[in-house]
Amino acid sequence: MASDKRNQDDEQDDDELDAGFDPKEYDTMLELERLESLEEEMMELGVTSLDDIRQRIGELHRTLDEERA
């Protein structure tokens, strides 16, 4: 019986959470998380702009091409 009561309480909690769920806010939070992760990775790589990233990609492609030749 106690288990049934706990399951009902859990279902009620889930219903209350679903009622307050805002898909737009969730998408915004996901985008924020992605951008913060990207910022951390850029700092670790020592790049500060998209141009820096493109330059680094070009350098790495040239390095790989030279190693294969």
PDB file of N, CA and C in Angstrom:
ATOM      1  N   MET A   1       0.809  -1.193   0.000  1.00  0.00           N
ATOM      2  CA  MET A   1       0.000   0.000   0.000  1.00  0.00           C
ATOM      3  C   MET A   1       0.858   1.265   0.000  1.00  0.00           C
ATOM      4  N   ALA A   2       1.929   1.277   0.789  1.00  0.00           N
ATOM      5  CA  ALA A   2       2.792   2.455   0.842  1.00  0.00           C
ATOM      6  C   ALA A   2       3.415   2.708  -0.527  1.00  0.00           C
ATOM      7  N   SER A   3       3.720   1.625  -1.227  1.00  0.00           N
ATOM      8  CA  SER A   3       4.305   1.747  -2.563  1.00  0.00           C
ATOM      9  C   SER A   3       3.321   2.395  -3.523  1.00  0.00           C
ATOM     10  N   ASP A   4       2.033   2.001  -3.450  1.00  0.00           N
ATOM     11  CA  ASP A   4       0.999   2.600  -4.296  1.00  0.00           C
ATOM     12  C   ASP A   4       0.865   4.089  -4.014  1.00  0.00           C
ATOM     13  N   LYS A   5       0.923   4.474  -2.757  1.00  0.00           N
ATOM     14  CA  LYS A   5       0.804   5.883  -2.365  1.00  0.00           C
ATOM     15  C   LYS A   5       1.980   6.677  -2.934  1.00  0.00           C
ATOM     16  N   ARG A   6       3.190   6.083  -2.851  1.00  0.00           N
ATOM     17  CA  ARG A   6       4.372   6.755  -3.385  1.00  0.00           C
ATOM     18  C   ARG A   6       4.259   6.941  -4.894  1.00  0.00           C
ATOM     19  N   ASN A   7       3.779   5.927  -5.609  1.00  0.00           N
ATOM     20  CA  ASN A   7       3.610   6.023  -7.057  1.00  0.00           C
ATOM     21  C   ASN A   7       2.605   7.111  -7.422  1.00  0.00           C
ATOM     22  N   GLN A   8       1.511   7.211  -6.666  1.00  0.00           N
ATOM     23  CA  GLN A   8       0.519   8.249  -6.920  1.00  0.00           C
ATOM     24  C   GLN A   8       1.120   9.639  -6.682  1.00  0.00           C
ATOM     25  N   ASP A   9       1.907   9.758  -5.611  1.00  0.00           N
ATOM     26  CA  ASP A   9       2.558  11.034  -5.322  1.00  0.00           C
ATOM     27  C   ASP A   9       3.534  11.405  -6.434  1.00  0.00           C
ATOM     28  N   ASP A  10       4.293  10.416  -6.913  1.00  0.00           N
ATOM     29  CA  ASP A  10       5.241  10.665  -7.999  1.00  0.00           C
ATOM     30  C   ASP A  10       4.519  11.103  -9.268  1.00  0.00           C
ATOM     31  N   GLU A  11       3.413  10.457  -9.571  1.00  0.00           N
ATOM     32  CA  GLU A  11       2.631  10.827 -10.757  1.00  0.00           C
ATOM     33  C   GLU A  11       2.077  12.240 -10.616  1.00  0.00           C
ATOM     34  N   GLN A  12       1.620  12.588  -9.429  1.00  0.00           N
ATOM     35  CA  GLN A  12       1.102  13.935  -9.200  1.00  0.00           C
ATOM     36  C   GLN A  12       2.224  14.955  -9.366  1.00  0.00           C
ATOM     37  N   ASP A  13       3.403  14.660  -8.827  1.00  0.00           N
ATOM     38  CA  ASP A  13       4.547  15.563  -8.978  1.00  0.00           C
ATOM     39  C   ASP A  13       4.894  15.739 -10.449  1.00  0.00           C
ATOM     40  N   ASP A  14       4.908  14.645 -11.217  1.00  0.00           N
ATOM     41  CA  ASP A  14       5.195  14.716 -12.648  1.00  0.00           C
ATOM     42  C   ASP A  14       4.168  15.570 -13.376  1.00  0.00           C
ATOM     43  N   ASP A  15       2.887  15.395 -13.024  1.00  0.00           N
ATOM     44  CA  ASP A  15       1.825  16.190 -13.657  1.00  0.00           C
ATOM     45  C   ASP A  15       2.012  17.678 -13.357  1.00  0.00           C
ATOM     46  N   GLU A  16       2.391  17.986 -12.126  1.00  0.00           N
ATOM     47  CA  GLU A  16       2.608  19.388 -11.763  1.00  0.00           C
ATOM     48  C   GLU A  16       3.795  19.966 -12.526  1.00  0.00           C
ATOM     49  N   LEU A  17       4.855  19.176 -12.696  1.00  0.00           N
ATOM     50  CA  LEU A  17       6.010  19.636 -13.458  1.00  0.00           C
ATOM     51  C   LEU A  17       5.646  19.843 -14.923  1.00  0.00           C
ATOM     52  N   ASP A  18       4.889  18.910 -15.500  1.00  0.00           N
ATOM     53  CA  ASP A  18       4.470  19.029 -16.894  1.00  0.00           C
ATOM     54  C   ASP A  18       3.612  20.272 -17.112  1.00  0.00           C
ATOM     55  N   ALA A  19       2.784  20.596 -16.157  1.00  0.00           N
ATOM     56  CA  ALA A  19       1.907  21.758 -16.284  1.00  0.00           C
ATOM     57  C   ALA A  19       2.722  23.042 -16.353  1.00  0.00           C
ATOM     58  N   GLY A  20       3.881  23.082 -15.708  1.00  0.00           N
ATOM     59  CA  GLY A  20       4.721  24.260 -15.714  1.00  0.00           C
ATOM     60  C   GLY A  20       5.787  24.232 -16.794  1.00  0.00           C
ATOM     61  N   PHE A  21       5.779  23.203 -17.629  1.00  0.00           N
ATOM     62  CA  PHE A  21       6.796  23.051 -18.665  1.00  0.00           C
ATOM     63  C   PHE A  21       6.588  24.060 -19.782  1.00  0.00           C
ATOM     64  N   ASP A  22       7.639  24.786 -20.104  1.00  0.00           N
ATOM     65  CA  ASP A  22       7.597  25.777 -21.174  1.00  0.00           C
ATOM     66  C   ASP A  22       8.625  25.373 -22.233  1.00  0.00           C
ATOM     67  N   PRO A  23       8.170  24.853 -23.375  1.00  0.00           N
ATOM     68  CA  PRO A  23       9.109  24.379 -24.402  1.00  0.00           C
ATOM     69  C   PRO A  23      10.068  25.464 -24.883  1.00  0.00           C
ATOM     70  N   LYS A  24       9.601  26.697 -24.985  1.00  0.00           N
ATOM     71  CA  LYS A  24      10.470  27.785 -25.446  1.00  0.00           C
ATOM     72  C   LYS A  24      11.589  28.039 -24.433  1.00  0.00           C
ATOM     73  N   GLU A  25      11.226  28.052 -23.153  1.00  0.00           N
ATOM     74  CA  GLU A  25      12.229  28.252 -22.108  1.00  0.00           C
ATOM     75  C   GLU A  25      13.230  27.100 -22.112  1.00  0.00           C
ATOM     76  N   TYR A  26      12.739  25.883 -22.304  1.00  0.00           N
ATOM     77  CA  TYR A  26      13.614  24.713 -22.351  1.00  0.00           C
ATOM     78  C   TYR A  26      14.590  24.827 -23.515  1.00  0.00           C
ATOM     79  N   ASP A  27      14.101  25.218 -24.696  1.00  0.00           N
ATOM     80  CA  ASP A  27      14.970  25.394 -25.864  1.00  0.00           C
ATOM     81  C   ASP A  27      16.012  26.476 -25.603  1.00  0.00           C
ATOM     82  N   THR A  28      15.603  27.540 -24.945  1.00  0.00           N
ATOM     83  CA  THR A  28      16.532  28.620 -24.607  1.00  0.00           C
ATOM     84  C   THR A  28      17.609  28.124 -23.657  1.00  0.00           C
ATOM     85  N   MET A  29      17.221  27.331 -22.684  1.00  0.00           N
ATOM     86  CA  MET A  29      18.191  26.777 -21.744  1.00  0.00           C
ATOM     87  C   MET A  29      19.162  25.830 -22.450  1.00  0.00           C
ATOM     88  N   LEU A  30      18.669  25.030 -23.390  1.00  0.00           N
ATOM     89  CA  LEU A  30      19.544  24.140 -24.146  1.00  0.00           C
ATOM     90  C   LEU A  30      20.545  24.931 -24.981  1.00  0.00           C
ATOM     91  N   GLU A  31      20.072  25.997 -25.627  1.00  0.00           N
ATOM     92  CA  GLU A  31      20.964  26.828 -26.428  1.00  0.00           C
ATOM     93  C   GLU A  31      22.025  27.480 -25.541  1.00  0.00           C
ATOM     94  N   LEU A  32      21.611  27.961 -24.387  1.00  0.00           N
ATOM     95  CA  LEU A  32      22.545  28.564 -23.447  1.00  0.00           C
ATOM     96  C   LEU A  32      23.617  27.561 -23.038  1.00  0.00           C
ATOM     97  N   GLU A  33      23.212  26.354 -22.730  1.00  0.00           N
ATOM     98  CA  GLU A  33      24.155  25.308 -22.339  1.00  0.00           C
ATOM     99  C   GLU A  33      25.144  25.015 -23.468  1.00  0.00           C
ATOM    100  N   ARG A  34      24.641  24.932 -24.703  1.00  0.00           N
ATOM    101  CA  ARG A  34      25.518  24.672 -25.857  1.00  0.00           C
ATOM    102  C   ARG A  34      26.527  25.791 -26.041  1.00  0.00           C
ATOM    103  N   LEU A  35      26.070  27.032 -25.925  1.00  0.00           N
ATOM    104  CA  LEU A  35      26.965  28.169 -26.113  1.00  0.00           C
ATOM    105  C   LEU A  35      28.007  28.254 -24.998  1.00  0.00           C
ATOM    106  N   GLU A  36      27.605  27.973 -23.777  1.00  0.00           N
ATOM    107  CA  GLU A  36      28.563  27.986 -22.667  1.00  0.00           C
ATOM    108  C   GLU A  36      29.609  26.889 -22.850  1.00  0.00           C
ATOM    109  N   SER A  37      29.192  25.729 -23.322  1.00  0.00           N
ATOM    110  CA  SER A  37      30.136  24.645 -23.600  1.00  0.00           C
ATOM    111  C   SER A  37      31.093  25.041 -24.717  1.00  0.00           C
ATOM    112  N   LEU A  38      30.559  25.670 -25.750  1.00  0.00           N
ATOM    113  CA  LEU A  38      31.380  26.136 -26.858  1.00  0.00           C
ATOM    114  C   LEU A  38      32.414  27.152 -26.374  1.00  0.00           C
ATOM    115  N   GLU A  39      31.974  28.072 -25.529  1.00  0.00           N
ATOM    116  CA  GLU A  39      32.897  29.070 -24.978  1.00  0.00           C
ATOM    117  C   GLU A  39      34.034  28.397 -24.215  1.00  0.00           C
ATOM    118  N   GLU A  40      33.712  27.413 -23.390  1.00  0.00           N
ATOM    119  CA  GLU A  40      34.734  26.695 -22.627  1.00  0.00           C
ATOM    120  C   GLU A  40      35.724  26.009 -23.558  1.00  0.00           C
ATOM    121  N   GLU A  41      35.224  25.353 -24.605  1.00  0.00           N
ATOM    122  CA  GLU A  41      36.093  24.668 -25.547  1.00  0.00           C
ATOM    123  C   GLU A  41      36.984  25.653 -26.287  1.00  0.00           C
ATOM    124  N   MET A  42      36.428  26.803 -26.671  1.00  0.00           N
ATOM    125  CA  MET A  42      37.226  27.817 -27.358  1.00  0.00           C
ATOM    126  C   MET A  42      38.347  28.308 -26.456  1.00  0.00           C
ATOM    127  N   MET A  43      38.051  28.522 -25.189  1.00  0.00           N
ATOM    128  CA  MET A  43      39.076  28.972 -24.249  1.00  0.00           C
ATOM    129  C   MET A  43      40.169  27.924 -24.117  1.00  0.00           C
ATOM    130  N   GLU A  44      39.775  26.654 -24.044  1.00  0.00           N
ATOM    131  CA  GLU A  44      40.751  25.568 -23.927  1.00  0.00           C
ATOM    132  C   GLU A  44      41.647  25.485 -25.163  1.00  0.00           C
ATOM    133  N   LEU A  45      41.072  25.773 -26.328  1.00  0.00           N
ATOM    134  CA  LEU A  45      41.824  25.720 -27.584  1.00  0.00           C
ATOM    135  C   LEU A  45      42.604  27.007 -27.850  1.00  0.00           C
ATOM    136  N   GLY A  46      42.331  28.037 -27.091  1.00  0.00           N
ATOM    137  CA  GLY A  46      43.025  29.302 -27.271  1.00  0.00           C
ATOM    138  C   GLY A  46      42.534  30.104 -28.463  1.00  0.00           C
ATOM    139  N   VAL A  47      41.282  29.930 -28.834  1.00  0.00           N
ATOM    140  CA  VAL A  47      40.696  30.706 -29.928  1.00  0.00           C
ATOM    141  C   VAL A  47      39.640  31.643 -29.355  1.00  0.00           C
ATOM    142  N   THR A  48      39.513  32.806 -30.024  1.00  0.00           N
ATOM    143  CA  THR A  48      38.581  33.790 -29.493  1.00  0.00           C
ATOM    144  C   THR A  48      37.508  34.201 -30.492  1.00  0.00           C
ATOM    145  N   SER A  49      37.644  33.741 -31.735  1.00  0.00           N
ATOM    146  CA  SER A  49      36.661  34.143 -32.743  1.00  0.00           C
ATOM    147  C   SER A  49      36.462  33.020 -33.755  1.00  0.00           C
ATOM    148  N   LEU A  50      35.430  33.167 -34.542  1.00  0.00           N
ATOM    149  CA  LEU A  50      35.161  32.208 -35.608  1.00  0.00           C
ATOM    150  C   LEU A  50      36.289  32.226 -36.633  1.00  0.00           C
ATOM    151  N   ASP A  51      36.858  33.402 -36.872  1.00  0.00           N
ATOM    152  CA  ASP A  51      38.001  33.489 -37.785  1.00  0.00           C
ATOM    153  C   ASP A  51      39.188  32.683 -37.258  1.00  0.00           C
ATOM    154  N   ASP A  52      39.435  32.746 -35.946  1.00  0.00           N
ATOM    155  CA  ASP A  52      40.507  31.945 -35.347  1.00  0.00           C
ATOM    156  C   ASP A  52      40.254  30.455 -35.564  1.00  0.00           C
ATOM    157  N   ILE A  53      39.018  30.055 -35.403  1.00  0.00           N
ATOM    158  CA  ILE A  53      38.657  28.645 -35.586  1.00  0.00           C
ATOM    159  C   ILE A  53      38.897  28.228 -37.033  1.00  0.00           C
ATOM    160  N   ARG A  54      38.449  29.048 -37.966  1.00  0.00           N
ATOM    161  CA  ARG A  54      38.634  28.730 -39.385  1.00  0.00           C
ATOM    162  C   ARG A  54      40.114  28.663 -39.735  1.00  0.00           C
ATOM    163  N   GLN A  55      40.903  29.570 -39.184  1.00  0.00           N
ATOM    164  CA  GLN A  55      42.339  29.562 -39.439  1.00  0.00           C
ATOM    165  C   GLN A  55      42.961  28.273 -38.899  1.00  0.00           C
ATOM    166  N   ARG A  56      42.584  27.912 -37.685  1.00  0.00           N
ATOM    167  CA  ARG A  56      43.119  26.684 -37.077  1.00  0.00           C
ATOM    168  C   ARG A  56      42.722  25.459 -37.881  1.00  0.00           C
ATOM    169  N   ILE A  57      41.485  25.425 -38.372  1.00  0.00           N
ATOM    170  CA  ILE A  57      41.027  24.299 -39.203  1.00  0.00           C
ATOM    171  C   ILE A  57      41.880  24.210 -40.456  1.00  0.00           C
ATOM    172  N   GLY A  58      42.118  25.343 -41.098  1.00  0.00           N
ATOM    173  CA  GLY A  58      42.953  25.359 -42.301  1.00  0.00           C
ATOM    174  C   GLY A  58      44.350  24.852 -42.019  1.00  0.00           C
ATOM    175  N   GLU A  59      44.934  25.303 -40.911  1.00  0.00           N
ATOM    176  CA  GLU A  59      46.276  24.859 -40.535  1.00  0.00           C
ATOM    177  C   GLU A  59      46.316  23.347 -40.321  1.00  0.00           C
ATOM    178  N   LEU A  60      45.314  22.831 -39.630  1.00  0.00           N
ATOM    179  CA  LEU A  60      45.286  21.388 -39.364  1.00  0.00           C
ATOM    180  C   LEU A  60      45.090  20.588 -40.643  1.00  0.00           C
ATOM    181  N   HIS A  61      44.268  21.092 -41.565  1.00  0.00           N
ATOM    182  CA  HIS A  61      44.105  20.414 -42.856  1.00  0.00           C
ATOM    183  C   HIS A  61      45.425  20.390 -43.613  1.00  0.00           C
ATOM    184  N   ARG A  62      46.145  21.519 -43.633  1.00  0.00           N
ATOM    185  CA  ARG A  62      47.434  21.569 -44.319  1.00  0.00           C
ATOM    186  C   ARG A  62      48.430  20.611 -43.683  1.00  0.00           C
ATOM    187  N   THR A  63      48.448  20.562 -42.355  1.00  0.00           N
ATOM    188  CA  THR A  63      49.347  19.650 -41.649  1.00  0.00           C
ATOM    189  C   THR A  63      49.052  18.206 -42.031  1.00  0.00           C
ATOM    190  N   LEU A  64      47.786  17.845 -42.034  1.00  0.00           N
ATOM    191  CA  LEU A  64      47.413  16.484 -42.405  1.00  0.00           C
ATOM    192  C   LEU A  64      47.777  16.173 -43.841  1.00  0.00           C
ATOM    193  N   ASP A  65      47.530  17.132 -44.729  1.00  0.00           N
ATOM    194  CA  ASP A  65      47.866  16.935 -46.156  1.00  0.00           C
ATOM    195  C   ASP A  65      49.364  16.726 -46.328  1.00  0.00           C
ATOM    196  N   GLU A  66      50.187  17.511 -45.601  1.00  0.00           N
ATOM    197  CA  GLU A  66      51.640  17.389 -45.691  1.00  0.00           C
ATOM    198  C   GLU A  66      52.105  16.037 -45.156  1.00  0.00           C
ATOM    199  N   GLU A  67      51.474  15.569 -44.072  1.00  0.00           N
ATOM    200  CA  GLU A  67      51.856  14.281 -43.492  1.00  0.00           C
ATOM    201  C   GLU A  67      51.513  13.119 -44.419  1.00  0.00           C
ATOM    202  N   ARG A  68      50.470  13.256 -45.201  1.00  0.00           N
ATOM    203  CA  ARG A  68      50.042  12.194 -46.114  1.00  0.00           C
ATOM    204  C   ARG A  68      50.864  12.179 -47.397  1.00  0.00           C
ATOM    205  N   ALA A  69      51.500  13.307 -47.717  1.00  0.00           N
ATOM    206  CA  ALA A  69      52.246  13.414 -48.984  1.00  0.00           C
ATOM    207  C   ALA A  69      53.593  12.752 -48.885  1.00  0.00           C
TER     208      ALA A  69
END
